[in-house]
Amino acid sequence: MGDTEAVKLGKSVKFSIITVCFNAEKVIRPTMESVLRQDYENFEYIIVDGASTDGTVAVIQEYAGIDARVQWRSEPDDGVFNAMNKGVQRAQGDFLLFLNAGDEFHSADILQRAAEIADGTDVIIGDVAFKRENGLSRHIYPVGEDLLNNLKKGESVCHQVIFAAKDTLTEGFDERYTTCADYDWICRQVNAGRKIIKLNAVVVDYDISGITFQTKYQKIHWKEYFEVIGKHFPRTGFPYGREVKQLFVQKKKEHFMYEFMNRWLMLKQQGISLSLFFAHKKIKTIAIYGVHNMGQRLYDELQNSGITVKYGIDRSPQKAKWGVPVLHPDEALEMVDAVVITPIFDFLEIRDSLSVTLSCPMFSIEEVLFYEYEHQQMTEPQKAGNRDKRYRDMMDQWLILKQERKSIADYLAAKGYRSIAIYGMAICGRHVIRELQATDITIVYGIDRNKINPYMGIEVRQPVGELPCVDAIVNTAIFDHANIQKMLAKLTEIPVVSLEDVIFESYSI
């Protein structure tokens, strides 16, 4: 656009929000909800799905059915940036922003704030909050000379915080780069003299599990990273000779090793064994590629666990002192249920090489360590049994309350909750409605993903957008209370209480 060609957009600016995804059923819902609850309404929402095989498309269809701004397509693609380019081709907005599945707008006013400063500019850069185990960690991106200096040093800007004018994406992303095409794009904009301004706000809560952060892609990432620097800043004088590059990558490798060992220690402190990863996948026999450090630790961990390590694989097999054979990768390898590859930056090359002779699944040590053990320790029948017991206990307590002529209305009144909303309009929701009839507690509305209006005479809303003010929201979906509480906290500051707590605490009122 530039200073002279810029369209005076003002309050009429239209945004195209683009989400690319593949098998993102577990994370795409909060992403979509963060978009659809934006206060500023002049936007289109384009979702490019890579032919997902899980329930992703069903989630997308759910929201597309209630909001006409949602457009979507599901078909195979050639990678993240190919999918992003497909989104660019469909976009009709003045400014585009790419919000990956798992990422969320930080607040409901982001588009409004961007629209207010969009006049006459080409690129708007905000800040990011990285999602980490201990909460959100804000990172501030500079513009101007500081941005240029950062790019010369290889410090890019995550594309999720960039609002890009449509004409800055005429050439799209260079798909020759599988992890650094967004870095290449922002370097092109800076070198072209585009007008880049700052939005002083956190734009996105960023899911750092994307491919750039996965160690299996690091070798490709750093190869592309050095190439982009050399292409755009050939005279920068930044000392990226071979030795410096090797030292740089070694430092990165040490950082990831620290993260991995920290995760492993945390699992051990929680009493979790890595053998569960294999047990859950019905894997009984494995081979371990790499017999030093991580490989040795994994071999030790699996002793007497029910998971059999049949052999190790290493290019220096004579150095190993294992109780099982250690073979060179060029030797004949016996079939096993799976192979775990421990060299953290060389996974892709090793996997492709072993695939010539072995047809079993191959996992990186990263996948084993960062598996969701905390959610998988119980079998499905155990989980169902646990849910059934909690439900029986709650209903038994509710019956005791009624037999003693007590009501959950007494608890709500004692807490000062005179007007409420009910989340979840299934069986427990119906019981709450009946319980509170002819009491001083007013049910203002219900909330349910499967909107049925009206329901038992009550207006039912989707959990999207601003919610009318009430004293409290009573959540009847007790088995998912933490996630529902977190989701509703992004829509409103209204306190959310679990029906389970209401019932058990009512007894003491």
Protein backbone atom coordinates (compact mmCIF):
# COMPACT_ATOMS: atom_id res chain seq x y z
CA MET A 1 0.00 0.00 0.00
CA GLY A 2 2.64 2.57 1.06
CA ASP A 3 2.07 6.12 2.25
CA THR A 4 0.75 7.44 -1.07
CA GLU A 5 -1.28 4.42 -2.12
CA ALA A 6 -2.84 3.59 1.23
CA VAL A 7 -6.59 3.34 1.29
CA LYS A 8 -8.16 5.42 4.03
CA LEU A 9 -9.85 2.56 5.78
CA GLY A 10 -10.79 3.96 9.18
CA LYS A 11 -13.69 2.28 10.90
CA SER A 12 -14.72 0.52 7.66
CA VAL A 13 -11.64 -1.74 7.55
CA LYS A 14 -12.50 -5.38 6.93
CA PHE A 15 -10.36 -8.13 8.40
CA SER A 16 -9.80 -11.63 7.08
CA ILE A 17 -8.90 -13.99 9.91
CA ILE A 18 -7.40 -17.21 8.53
CA THR A 19 -6.98 -20.43 10.50
CA VAL A 20 -5.15 -23.39 8.99
CA CYS A 21 -5.52 -26.72 10.75
CA PHE A 22 -5.15 -30.47 10.54
CA ASN A 23 -6.57 -32.94 13.08
CA ALA A 24 -7.10 -30.09 15.54
CA GLU A 25 -10.33 -31.32 17.16
CA LYS A 26 -8.92 -30.83 20.67
CA VAL A 27 -7.75 -27.23 20.20
CA ILE A 28 -9.73 -25.52 17.44
CA ARG A 29 -12.88 -24.73 19.42
CA PRO A 30 -11.32 -22.07 21.71
CA THR A 31 -9.56 -20.60 18.67
CA MET A 32 -12.84 -20.17 16.82
CA GLU A 33 -14.64 -18.82 19.86
CA SER A 34 -11.93 -16.20 20.41
CA VAL A 35 -12.54 -14.96 16.87
CA LEU A 36 -16.32 -14.99 16.95
CA ARG A 37 -16.54 -13.11 20.23
CA GLN A 38 -14.64 -10.08 18.87
CA ASP A 39 -16.43 -6.77 19.54
CA TYR A 40 -15.53 -5.50 16.08
CA GLU A 41 -17.82 -7.31 13.65
CA ASN A 42 -16.53 -6.39 10.16
CA PHE A 43 -14.50 -9.51 9.46
CA GLU A 44 -14.63 -12.80 7.63
CA TYR A 45 -13.30 -15.99 9.16
CA ILE A 46 -11.65 -18.40 6.72
CA ILE A 47 -10.69 -21.89 7.88
CA VAL A 48 -8.44 -24.02 5.69
CA ASP A 49 -8.47 -27.62 6.92
CA GLY A 50 -6.00 -30.14 5.54
CA ALA A 51 -8.47 -33.03 5.20
CA SER A 52 -8.59 -33.85 8.91
CA THR A 53 -9.49 -37.39 9.90
CA ASP A 54 -10.65 -36.62 13.46
CA GLY A 55 -13.61 -34.48 14.55
CA THR A 56 -12.15 -31.13 13.41
CA VAL A 57 -14.57 -30.64 10.52
CA ALA A 58 -17.58 -31.34 12.74
CA VAL A 59 -16.47 -28.57 15.10
CA ILE A 60 -15.99 -26.18 12.17
CA GLN A 61 -19.41 -27.04 10.77
CA GLU A 62 -20.99 -26.40 14.16
CA TYR A 63 -19.82 -22.79 14.21
CA ALA A 64 -20.34 -22.24 10.48
CA GLY A 65 -23.97 -23.16 11.06
CA ILE A 66 -24.49 -20.32 13.54
CA ASP A 67 -22.26 -17.56 12.11
CA ALA A 68 -22.30 -16.67 8.39
CA ARG A 69 -18.85 -15.08 8.65
CA VAL A 70 -17.28 -18.55 8.94
CA GLN A 71 -16.10 -19.94 5.58
CA TRP A 72 -14.27 -23.23 5.36
CA ARG A 73 -12.79 -25.82 3.08
CA SER A 74 -11.31 -29.23 3.85
CA GLU A 75 -8.86 -30.73 1.37
CA PRO A 76 -5.27 -32.05 1.34
CA ASP A 77 -2.52 -29.44 1.28
CA ASP A 78 1.24 -29.34 0.86
CA GLY A 79 2.08 -27.98 4.27
CA VAL A 80 1.27 -25.06 6.57
CA PHE A 81 2.33 -22.29 4.22
CA ASN A 82 0.56 -23.86 1.25
CA ALA A 83 -2.61 -23.85 3.35
CA MET A 84 -1.98 -20.23 4.39
CA ASN A 85 -1.60 -19.25 0.73
CA LYS A 86 -4.94 -20.90 0.00
CA GLY A 87 -6.42 -18.67 2.67
CA VAL A 88 -4.83 -15.60 1.09
CA GLN A 89 -6.41 -16.46 -2.27
CA ARG A 90 -9.88 -16.61 -0.72
CA ALA A 91 -9.52 -13.52 1.47
CA GLN A 92 -11.56 -10.41 0.66
CA GLY A 93 -10.47 -8.31 3.66
CA ASP A 94 -8.30 -5.21 3.73
CA PHE A 95 -6.02 -6.75 6.37
CA LEU A 96 -5.24 -10.44 6.94
CA LEU A 97 -4.19 -12.18 10.14
CA PHE A 98 -3.27 -15.84 10.50
CA LEU A 99 -4.48 -17.47 13.72
CA ASN A 100 -3.45 -21.11 13.91
CA ALA A 101 -5.54 -23.79 15.61
CA GLY A 102 -4.61 -23.73 19.28
CA ASP A 103 -3.93 -19.97 19.27
CA GLU A 104 -6.48 -17.53 20.68
CA PHE A 105 -7.09 -13.80 20.50
CA HIS A 106 -5.99 -12.43 23.86
CA SER A 107 -9.11 -10.30 24.34
CA ALA A 108 -12.37 -9.37 22.62
CA ASP A 109 -11.21 -5.89 21.56
CA ILE A 110 -8.20 -6.83 19.41
CA LEU A 111 -9.81 -6.21 16.01
CA GLN A 112 -11.33 -2.95 17.24
CA ARG A 113 -7.94 -1.68 18.38
CA ALA A 114 -6.27 -2.71 15.12
CA ALA A 115 -9.01 -1.01 13.06
CA GLU A 116 -8.47 2.25 14.90
CA ILE A 117 -4.84 2.52 13.71
CA ALA A 118 -5.11 0.87 10.29
CA ASP A 119 -5.37 4.03 8.16
CA GLY A 120 -2.48 4.44 5.74
CA THR A 121 -0.38 1.54 6.92
CA ASP A 122 0.81 -1.75 5.47
CA VAL A 123 1.65 -3.91 8.47
CA ILE A 124 0.54 -3.77 12.12
CA ILE A 125 2.57 -5.71 14.68
CA GLY A 126 1.27 -6.48 18.17
CA ASP A 127 2.69 -8.53 21.04
CA VAL A 128 2.35 -12.21 21.91
CA ALA A 129 1.70 -14.17 25.10
CA PHE A 130 3.30 -17.61 24.91
CA LYS A 131 1.34 -20.43 26.55
CA ARG A 132 3.68 -22.15 28.99
CA GLU A 133 3.21 -24.65 31.83
CA ASN A 134 3.30 -21.85 34.42
CA GLY A 135 0.92 -19.53 32.52
CA LEU A 136 1.24 -16.85 29.87
CA SER A 137 4.57 -15.17 29.15
CA ARG A 138 4.42 -11.86 27.24
CA HIS A 139 6.93 -11.03 24.53
CA ILE A 140 7.08 -7.49 23.10
CA TYR A 141 8.02 -7.00 19.44
CA PRO A 142 9.62 -3.74 18.31
CA VAL A 143 9.14 -1.89 15.02
CA GLY A 144 11.37 0.53 13.12
CA GLU A 145 15.14 0.22 13.40
CA ASP A 146 14.90 -2.26 16.26
CA LEU A 147 12.77 -4.60 14.13
CA LEU A 148 15.34 -4.41 11.31
CA ASN A 149 18.20 -5.17 13.68
CA ASN A 150 16.31 -8.11 15.17
CA LEU A 151 15.61 -9.58 11.75
CA LYS A 152 19.28 -9.30 10.84
CA LYS A 153 20.06 -11.35 13.96
CA GLY A 154 17.46 -13.96 13.07
CA GLU A 155 14.85 -12.78 15.57
CA SER A 156 11.56 -12.93 13.67
CA VAL A 157 7.97 -11.99 14.57
CA CYS A 158 5.39 -14.75 14.94
CA HIS A 159 2.84 -14.31 12.17
CA GLN A 160 -0.08 -14.63 14.60
CA VAL A 161 0.45 -11.03 15.81
CA ILE A 162 0.78 -9.46 12.35
CA PHE A 163 -2.06 -7.69 10.54
CA ALA A 164 -0.95 -7.57 6.89
CA ALA A 165 -2.54 -5.39 4.23
CA LYS A 166 -3.84 -7.56 1.38
CA ASP A 167 -1.38 -6.23 -1.19
CA THR A 168 1.61 -7.20 0.98
CA LEU A 169 0.60 -10.82 0.34
CA THR A 170 0.24 -10.59 -3.43
CA GLU A 171 3.15 -13.00 -3.84
CA GLY A 172 2.06 -15.06 -0.84
CA PHE A 173 4.46 -17.08 1.29
CA ASP A 174 7.45 -18.76 -0.35
CA GLU A 175 6.54 -22.43 -0.06
CA ARG A 176 10.12 -23.53 -0.59
CA TYR A 177 10.49 -22.81 3.12
CA THR A 178 8.63 -25.30 5.33
CA THR A 179 9.22 -23.53 8.67
CA CYS A 180 10.59 -20.05 7.85
CA ALA A 181 8.30 -18.71 5.11
CA ASP A 182 6.77 -16.20 7.54
CA TYR A 183 10.28 -14.98 8.51
CA ASP A 184 11.10 -14.61 4.83
CA TRP A 185 7.88 -12.64 4.28
CA ILE A 186 8.47 -10.08 7.06
CA CYS A 187 12.06 -9.58 5.83
CA ARG A 188 10.66 -8.83 2.38
CA GLN A 189 8.27 -6.24 3.80
CA VAL A 190 11.00 -4.46 5.77
CA ASN A 191 13.40 -4.40 2.81
CA ALA A 192 10.61 -3.09 0.56
CA GLY A 193 10.10 -0.11 2.85
CA ARG A 194 6.56 -0.99 3.90
CA LYS A 195 4.97 1.20 6.55
CA ILE A 196 5.00 -0.93 9.70
CA ILE A 197 3.40 0.35 12.91
CA LYS A 198 2.98 -0.93 16.44
CA LEU A 199 -0.18 -2.07 18.23
CA ASN A 200 0.65 -1.82 21.92
CA ALA A 201 -1.36 -4.82 23.02
CA VAL A 202 -1.07 -8.58 23.34
CA VAL A 203 -2.82 -9.85 20.21
CA VAL A 204 -2.58 -13.60 20.65
CA ASP A 205 -2.13 -16.28 23.28
CA TYR A 206 0.23 -18.46 21.29
CA ASP A 207 0.34 -22.28 21.38
CA ILE A 208 4.06 -23.08 21.19
CA SER A 209 3.47 -26.66 20.04
CA GLY A 210 3.62 -25.60 16.37
CA ILE A 211 6.15 -27.26 14.05
CA THR A 212 8.75 -24.52 14.49
CA PHE A 213 9.00 -25.49 18.15
CA GLN A 214 9.14 -29.27 17.63
CA THR A 215 12.68 -30.61 17.73
CA LYS A 216 12.10 -33.04 14.88
CA TYR A 217 11.85 -30.01 12.56
CA GLN A 218 14.72 -28.02 14.06
CA LYS A 219 17.37 -29.15 11.59
CA ILE A 220 15.22 -28.00 8.68
CA HIS A 221 14.31 -24.82 10.55
CA TRP A 222 17.89 -23.70 11.15
CA LYS A 223 18.96 -24.54 7.58
CA GLU A 224 16.15 -22.30 6.28
CA TYR A 225 16.86 -19.71 8.96
CA PHE A 226 20.48 -19.20 7.86
CA GLU A 227 19.40 -19.15 4.20
CA VAL A 228 16.82 -16.39 4.80
CA ILE A 229 19.35 -14.24 6.66
CA GLY A 230 21.88 -14.66 3.86
CA LYS A 231 19.32 -13.82 1.19
CA HIS A 232 17.89 -10.66 2.74
CA PHE A 233 20.88 -9.30 4.64
CA PRO A 234 23.97 -10.42 2.69
CA ARG A 235 26.08 -7.49 3.94
CA THR A 236 24.98 -7.57 7.52
CA GLY A 237 28.37 -8.76 8.70
CA PHE A 238 26.63 -11.15 11.10
CA PRO A 239 29.31 -13.86 11.62
CA TYR A 240 27.47 -16.95 10.43
CA GLY A 241 30.46 -18.95 9.31
CA ARG A 242 30.29 -22.71 9.56
CA GLU A 243 31.84 -22.92 13.03
CA VAL A 244 29.53 -20.23 14.43
CA LYS A 245 26.50 -21.97 12.93
CA GLN A 246 27.51 -25.25 14.53
CA LEU A 247 27.98 -23.56 17.91
CA PHE A 248 24.61 -21.82 17.55
CA VAL A 249 22.79 -25.08 16.78
CA GLN A 250 24.62 -26.86 19.61
CA LYS A 251 23.37 -24.22 22.07
CA LYS A 252 19.82 -24.75 20.80
CA LYS A 253 20.22 -28.51 21.17
CA GLU A 254 21.38 -28.07 24.78
CA HIS A 255 18.35 -25.89 25.47
CA PHE A 256 15.97 -28.59 24.22
CA MET A 257 17.84 -31.25 26.18
CA TYR A 258 17.28 -29.17 29.31
CA GLU A 259 13.54 -28.90 28.52
CA PHE A 260 13.31 -32.66 27.94
CA MET A 261 15.11 -33.63 31.12
CA ASN A 262 13.01 -31.15 33.09
CA ARG A 263 9.86 -32.78 31.71
CA TRP A 264 11.19 -36.26 32.50
CA LEU A 265 11.96 -35.27 36.10
CA MET A 266 8.48 -33.78 36.49
CA LEU A 267 6.88 -37.04 35.28
CA LYS A 268 8.94 -39.07 37.72
CA GLN A 269 7.95 -36.75 40.58
CA GLN A 270 4.32 -37.44 39.66
CA GLY A 271 4.95 -41.17 39.68
CA ILE A 272 4.41 -41.51 35.93
CA SER A 273 6.40 -44.05 33.93
CA LEU A 274 7.12 -43.66 30.21
CA SER A 275 6.01 -47.27 29.83
CA LEU A 276 2.44 -45.91 29.88
CA PHE A 277 3.00 -44.29 26.48
CA PHE A 278 3.61 -47.69 24.94
CA ALA A 279 0.96 -49.48 26.95
CA HIS A 280 -1.71 -47.03 25.85
CA LYS A 281 -0.73 -47.63 22.22
CA LYS A 282 -0.64 -51.42 22.75
CA ILE A 283 3.09 -51.51 21.97
CA LYS A 284 4.93 -54.39 23.65
CA THR A 285 8.32 -54.52 21.91
CA ILE A 286 10.53 -51.61 20.87
CA ALA A 287 13.97 -50.73 19.59
CA ILE A 288 15.80 -47.58 20.76
CA TYR A 289 17.84 -45.59 18.25
CA GLY A 290 20.71 -43.82 20.04
CA VAL A 291 22.29 -45.56 23.02
CA HIS A 292 23.77 -42.56 24.84
CA ASN A 293 22.20 -40.05 27.24
CA MET A 294 18.45 -40.06 26.40
CA GLY A 295 18.60 -43.58 24.95
CA GLN A 296 20.36 -44.94 28.03
CA ARG A 297 17.85 -43.27 30.33
CA LEU A 298 14.91 -44.69 28.35
CA TYR A 299 16.44 -48.18 28.37
CA ASP A 300 16.88 -47.99 32.15
CA GLU A 301 13.33 -46.70 32.67
CA LEU A 302 11.72 -49.56 30.76
CA GLN A 303 13.47 -52.35 32.66
CA ASN A 304 10.88 -54.61 34.34
CA SER A 305 8.05 -52.43 33.02
CA GLY A 306 6.35 -54.93 30.74
CA ILE A 307 7.73 -53.16 27.67
CA THR A 308 10.53 -55.17 26.05
CA VAL A 309 13.51 -53.37 24.52
CA LYS A 310 14.59 -55.98 21.97
CA TYR A 311 17.67 -54.12 20.72
CA GLY A 312 19.37 -50.78 20.35
CA ILE A 313 20.48 -49.06 17.15
CA ASP A 314 23.56 -46.85 16.95
CA ARG A 315 26.29 -45.94 14.47
CA SER A 316 28.82 -46.71 17.21
CA PRO A 317 27.33 -49.92 18.61
CA GLN A 318 30.56 -51.12 20.23
CA LYS A 319 30.34 -48.27 22.78
CA ALA A 320 27.11 -49.53 24.28
CA LYS A 321 26.95 -51.66 27.41
CA TRP A 322 23.36 -52.81 27.26
CA GLY A 323 21.87 -56.15 28.20
CA VAL A 324 20.41 -56.47 24.69
CA PRO A 325 22.08 -56.40 21.25
CA VAL A 326 23.04 -52.99 19.86
CA LEU A 327 23.11 -52.99 16.07
CA HIS A 328 24.43 -50.68 13.39
CA PRO A 329 21.52 -49.21 11.34
CA ASP A 330 22.86 -50.95 8.22
CA GLU A 331 22.55 -54.39 9.82
CA ALA A 332 19.49 -56.60 9.50
CA LEU A 333 16.94 -55.25 11.99
CA GLU A 334 14.34 -57.52 13.55
CA MET A 335 10.72 -56.34 13.37
CA VAL A 336 9.40 -54.66 16.52
CA ASP A 337 6.18 -52.88 17.40
CA ALA A 338 7.85 -49.44 17.35
CA VAL A 339 11.17 -47.59 17.29
CA VAL A 340 11.97 -44.63 19.56
CA ILE A 341 14.49 -42.21 18.05
CA THR A 342 16.43 -40.24 20.69
CA PRO A 343 18.78 -37.94 18.64
CA ILE A 344 16.58 -34.86 18.94
CA PHE A 345 17.52 -32.90 15.79
CA ASP A 346 17.93 -35.84 13.41
CA PHE A 347 14.55 -37.55 13.72
CA LEU A 348 13.35 -37.01 10.14
CA GLU A 349 16.52 -38.30 8.48
CA ILE A 350 16.76 -41.31 10.81
CA ARG A 351 13.06 -42.14 10.37
CA ASP A 352 13.33 -42.03 6.58
CA SER A 353 16.46 -44.19 6.62
CA LEU A 354 14.97 -46.83 8.94
CA SER A 355 11.70 -46.90 6.99
CA VAL A 356 13.52 -48.67 4.16
CA THR A 357 13.82 -51.84 6.27
CA LEU A 358 11.29 -51.36 9.08
CA SER A 359 7.56 -50.75 8.59
CA CYS A 360 6.65 -50.12 12.24
CA PRO A 361 5.68 -46.76 13.81
CA MET A 362 8.59 -44.51 14.77
CA PHE A 363 8.36 -41.97 17.58
CA SER A 364 10.69 -39.20 18.67
CA ILE A 365 11.69 -39.10 22.33
CA GLU A 366 9.86 -35.75 22.37
CA GLU A 367 6.56 -37.47 21.56
CA VAL A 368 7.13 -39.97 24.37
CA LEU A 369 8.00 -37.32 26.96
CA PHE A 370 5.28 -34.83 26.11
CA TYR A 371 2.46 -37.32 25.75
CA GLU A 372 -0.63 -36.37 27.77
CA TYR A 373 0.02 -38.89 30.54
CA GLU A 374 -1.97 -36.89 33.06
CA HIS A 375 -5.14 -37.45 31.01
CA GLN A 376 -4.42 -41.04 30.03
CA GLN A 377 -3.58 -42.83 33.24
CA MET A 378 -7.04 -44.37 33.59
CA THR A 379 -8.53 -46.69 30.99
CA GLU A 380 -11.79 -45.60 29.38
CA PRO A 381 -13.84 -48.04 31.50
CA GLN A 382 -12.06 -46.68 34.59
CA LYS A 383 -12.85 -43.11 33.55
CA ALA A 384 -16.48 -44.02 32.91
CA GLY A 385 -16.69 -45.75 36.26
CA ASN A 386 -15.18 -42.76 38.02
CA ARG A 387 -17.66 -40.42 36.30
CA ASP A 388 -20.56 -42.69 37.22
CA LYS A 389 -19.49 -42.77 40.87
CA ARG A 390 -19.21 -38.97 41.06
CA TYR A 391 -22.61 -38.60 39.44
CA ARG A 392 -24.21 -41.13 41.82
CA ASP A 393 -22.64 -39.43 44.83
CA MET A 394 -23.90 -36.04 43.72
CA MET A 395 -27.44 -37.27 43.03
CA ASP A 396 -27.47 -39.14 46.35
CA GLN A 397 -26.51 -35.94 48.16
CA TRP A 398 -29.19 -34.01 46.26
CA LEU A 399 -31.79 -36.56 47.37
CA ILE A 400 -30.66 -36.20 51.00
CA LEU A 401 -31.09 -32.43 50.71
CA LYS A 402 -34.66 -32.84 49.50
CA GLN A 403 -35.48 -35.37 52.21
CA GLU A 404 -34.29 -32.85 54.79
CA ARG A 405 -36.39 -30.13 53.09
CA LYS A 406 -33.36 -28.21 51.93
CA SER A 407 -32.82 -26.67 48.51
CA ILE A 408 -29.91 -25.48 46.40
CA ALA A 409 -31.82 -22.19 46.30
CA ASP A 410 -30.78 -21.69 49.94
CA TYR A 411 -27.10 -21.97 49.01
CA LEU A 412 -27.44 -19.59 46.05
CA ALA A 413 -29.28 -17.03 48.15
CA ALA A 414 -26.70 -17.27 50.93
CA LYS A 415 -23.98 -16.53 48.38
CA GLY A 416 -25.92 -13.54 47.06
CA TYR A 417 -26.66 -15.23 43.72
CA ARG A 418 -30.20 -13.99 43.10
CA SER A 419 -30.01 -14.21 39.31
CA ILE A 420 -28.21 -17.04 37.54
CA ALA A 421 -27.54 -18.66 34.20
CA ILE A 422 -27.34 -22.43 33.80
CA TYR A 423 -24.58 -24.00 31.69
CA GLY A 424 -25.67 -27.36 30.28
CA MET A 425 -29.34 -28.01 29.59
CA ALA A 426 -29.32 -31.81 29.76
CA ILE A 427 -30.61 -33.91 32.68
CA CYS A 428 -28.93 -31.97 35.49
CA GLY A 429 -29.88 -28.67 33.89
CA ARG A 430 -33.53 -29.72 33.84
CA HIS A 431 -33.35 -30.71 37.52
CA VAL A 432 -31.93 -27.29 38.44
CA ILE A 433 -34.72 -25.52 36.53
CA ARG A 434 -37.40 -27.52 38.32
CA GLU A 435 -35.68 -27.07 41.70
CA LEU A 436 -35.57 -23.28 41.39
CA GLN A 437 -39.14 -22.79 40.19
CA ALA A 438 -41.22 -20.88 42.72
CA THR A 439 -38.09 -19.71 44.58
CA ASP A 440 -36.49 -16.30 44.84
CA ILE A 441 -33.72 -17.34 42.44
CA THR A 442 -34.27 -16.14 38.85
CA ILE A 443 -32.89 -18.16 35.95
CA VAL A 444 -32.18 -15.49 33.34
CA TYR A 445 -30.94 -17.76 30.54
CA GLY A 446 -29.30 -21.07 29.75
CA ILE A 447 -26.02 -21.78 27.94
CA ASP A 448 -25.52 -24.84 25.76
CA ARG A 449 -23.49 -25.67 22.65
CA ASN A 450 -26.54 -27.47 21.25
CA LYS A 451 -28.83 -24.47 21.30
CA ILE A 452 -32.53 -25.31 21.71
CA ASN A 453 -34.75 -22.26 22.04
CA PRO A 454 -36.74 -21.85 24.17
CA TYR A 455 -36.08 -24.70 26.57
CA MET A 456 -38.52 -25.20 29.45
CA GLY A 457 -39.45 -21.57 28.95
CA ILE A 458 -35.85 -20.33 29.21
CA GLU A 459 -33.81 -18.61 26.50
CA VAL A 460 -30.73 -20.68 25.61
CA ARG A 461 -27.56 -19.11 24.24
CA GLN A 462 -24.43 -20.48 22.59
CA PRO A 463 -21.21 -19.94 24.60
CA VAL A 464 -20.09 -17.32 22.08
CA GLY A 465 -19.95 -13.55 22.39
CA GLU A 466 -20.88 -11.35 25.33
CA LEU A 467 -23.12 -12.93 27.97
CA PRO A 468 -25.81 -10.91 29.80
CA CYS A 469 -24.94 -10.03 33.37
CA VAL A 470 -26.12 -12.35 36.14
CA ASP A 471 -24.86 -13.01 39.66
CA ALA A 472 -23.45 -16.45 38.81
CA ILE A 473 -23.36 -19.22 36.22
CA VAL A 474 -24.13 -22.70 37.52
CA ASN A 475 -22.30 -25.32 35.48
CA THR A 476 -24.12 -28.66 35.34
CA ALA A 477 -21.47 -30.33 33.12
CA ILE A 478 -19.49 -31.25 36.22
CA PHE A 479 -16.98 -33.61 34.56
CA ASP A 480 -15.55 -30.81 32.41
CA HIS A 481 -15.87 -27.98 34.92
CA ALA A 482 -12.27 -26.73 34.73
CA ASN A 483 -12.31 -26.38 30.92
CA ILE A 484 -15.77 -24.80 30.91
CA GLN A 485 -14.78 -22.38 33.65
CA LYS A 486 -11.68 -21.39 31.65
CA MET A 487 -13.69 -20.97 28.44
CA LEU A 488 -16.39 -18.84 30.09
CA ALA A 489 -13.74 -16.69 31.78
CA LYS A 490 -12.80 -15.45 28.33
CA LEU A 491 -16.38 -14.32 27.70
CA THR A 492 -17.31 -12.81 31.05
CA GLU A 493 -16.20 -12.05 34.60
CA ILE A 494 -19.34 -13.68 36.04
CA PRO A 495 -18.38 -16.31 38.65
CA VAL A 496 -18.87 -19.90 37.47
CA VAL A 497 -19.78 -22.49 40.11
CA SER A 498 -20.04 -26.24 39.69
CA LEU A 499 -23.39 -27.85 40.44
CA GLU A 500 -21.45 -30.52 42.31
CA ASP A 501 -20.06 -27.89 44.71
CA VAL A 502 -23.46 -26.23 45.04
CA ILE A 503 -25.10 -29.48 46.09
CA PHE A 504 -22.44 -30.63 48.55
CA GLU A 505 -22.05 -27.19 50.11
CA SER A 506 -25.83 -26.70 50.35
CA TYR A 507 -25.94 -29.30 53.10
CA SER A 508 -24.11 -26.97 55.50
CA ILE A 509 -26.38 -23.95 54.82
